[in-house]
Protein backbone atom coordinates (compact mmCIF):
# COMPACT_ATOMS: atom_id res chain seq x y z
CA MET A 1 -213.60 -151.61 -116.96
CA ILE A 2 -212.02 -148.96 -119.12
CA LEU A 3 -214.10 -145.94 -120.06
CA ASP A 4 -212.88 -144.03 -123.12
CA PHE A 5 -214.20 -140.44 -123.13
CA ALA A 6 -214.20 -138.99 -126.64
CA PRO A 7 -214.54 -135.34 -127.66
CA GLY A 8 -218.15 -134.26 -127.57
CA GLY A 9 -218.89 -136.34 -124.48
CA HIS A 10 -219.23 -139.78 -126.07
CA VAL A 11 -218.09 -142.69 -123.94
CA ARG A 12 -216.82 -145.99 -125.33
CA HIS A 13 -216.48 -149.04 -123.15
CA LEU A 14 -216.98 -152.76 -123.11
CA HIS A 15 -220.30 -153.56 -121.54
CA THR A 16 -220.26 -155.41 -118.28
CA GLU A 17 -222.90 -155.78 -115.65
CA LEU A 18 -220.31 -155.18 -112.93
CA LEU A 19 -220.81 -151.42 -113.19
CA ASP A 20 -224.05 -149.51 -113.62
CA THR A 21 -223.20 -146.93 -116.29
CA SER A 22 -226.54 -145.13 -116.10
CA PHE A 23 -224.81 -142.28 -114.24
CA LEU A 24 -223.13 -141.40 -117.57
CA GLY A 25 -226.47 -140.45 -119.09
CA PRO A 26 -228.79 -142.09 -121.57
CA THR A 27 -227.52 -144.74 -123.93
CA THR A 28 -228.00 -143.52 -127.48
CA ALA A 29 -225.99 -145.98 -129.56
CA ILE A 30 -224.74 -149.46 -128.88
CA THR A 31 -222.44 -151.13 -131.36
CA ARG A 32 -220.50 -154.34 -131.06
CA ALA A 33 -216.75 -153.90 -131.30
CA SER A 34 -215.88 -157.55 -131.61
CA GLU A 35 -217.23 -161.05 -131.94
CA VAL A 36 -216.21 -164.03 -129.84
CA GLU A 37 -217.18 -167.11 -131.82
CA PRO A 38 -216.11 -170.76 -131.97
CA ASN A 39 -214.09 -172.05 -134.92
CA PRO A 40 -215.26 -175.58 -135.69
CA GLN A 41 -212.06 -176.41 -137.61
CA THR A 42 -209.60 -175.48 -134.84
CA LEU A 43 -211.97 -176.18 -131.92
CA GLU A 44 -210.91 -172.84 -130.42
CA TRP A 45 -212.72 -169.59 -129.75
CA GLU A 46 -211.74 -166.55 -131.82
CA VAL A 47 -211.95 -162.81 -131.18
CA ARG A 48 -212.50 -160.76 -134.34
CA PRO A 49 -213.54 -157.17 -135.03
CA VAL A 50 -217.19 -157.08 -136.11
CA GLY A 51 -217.48 -157.57 -139.86
CA SER A 52 -213.86 -158.69 -140.26
CA SER A 53 -212.19 -162.04 -140.82
CA THR A 54 -209.06 -160.85 -138.99
CA VAL A 55 -208.50 -163.00 -135.92
CA LEU A 56 -207.14 -160.97 -133.01
CA PHE A 57 -206.88 -163.76 -130.43
CA THR A 58 -207.70 -167.45 -130.12
CA HIS A 59 -207.96 -169.81 -127.16
CA PRO A 60 -209.74 -173.07 -126.32
CA SER A 61 -211.59 -171.24 -123.53
CA ARG A 62 -214.34 -168.72 -124.31
CA SER A 63 -213.72 -167.13 -120.91
CA ALA A 64 -210.07 -166.52 -121.86
CA CYS A 65 -211.21 -164.83 -125.08
CA LEU A 66 -213.65 -162.62 -123.17
CA ALA A 67 -210.89 -161.68 -120.71
CA TRP A 68 -208.58 -160.84 -123.64
CA GLU A 69 -211.35 -158.75 -125.18
CA ASP A 70 -211.79 -156.83 -121.91
CA GLU A 71 -208.08 -156.00 -121.77
CA HIS A 72 -207.30 -155.31 -125.43
CA ILE A 73 -210.24 -154.44 -127.66
CA LEU A 74 -210.48 -150.71 -126.86
CA ASP A 75 -206.75 -150.31 -127.44
CA HIS A 76 -207.09 -152.19 -130.74
CA LEU A 77 -209.95 -149.93 -131.82
CA ALA A 78 -208.00 -146.79 -130.95
CA HIS A 79 -205.17 -147.87 -133.27
CA SER A 80 -207.25 -149.15 -136.18
């Protein structure tokens, strides 16, 4: 898990149940960074930023898309 500490004390990260983040303080805002959804035409899963039609990654396996999301989505958000 990557924790991104922003000025003012905000922390961005991809949620996982592998780490209890309650030690960081109360959760005040939760927003989705991306969507992992199936594409019925290609029969593959797609990773897209929330509210965008831009496909960042595709794969037949949803697990592969979730793994890609874990490794790349925070970096993508930092540069968008």
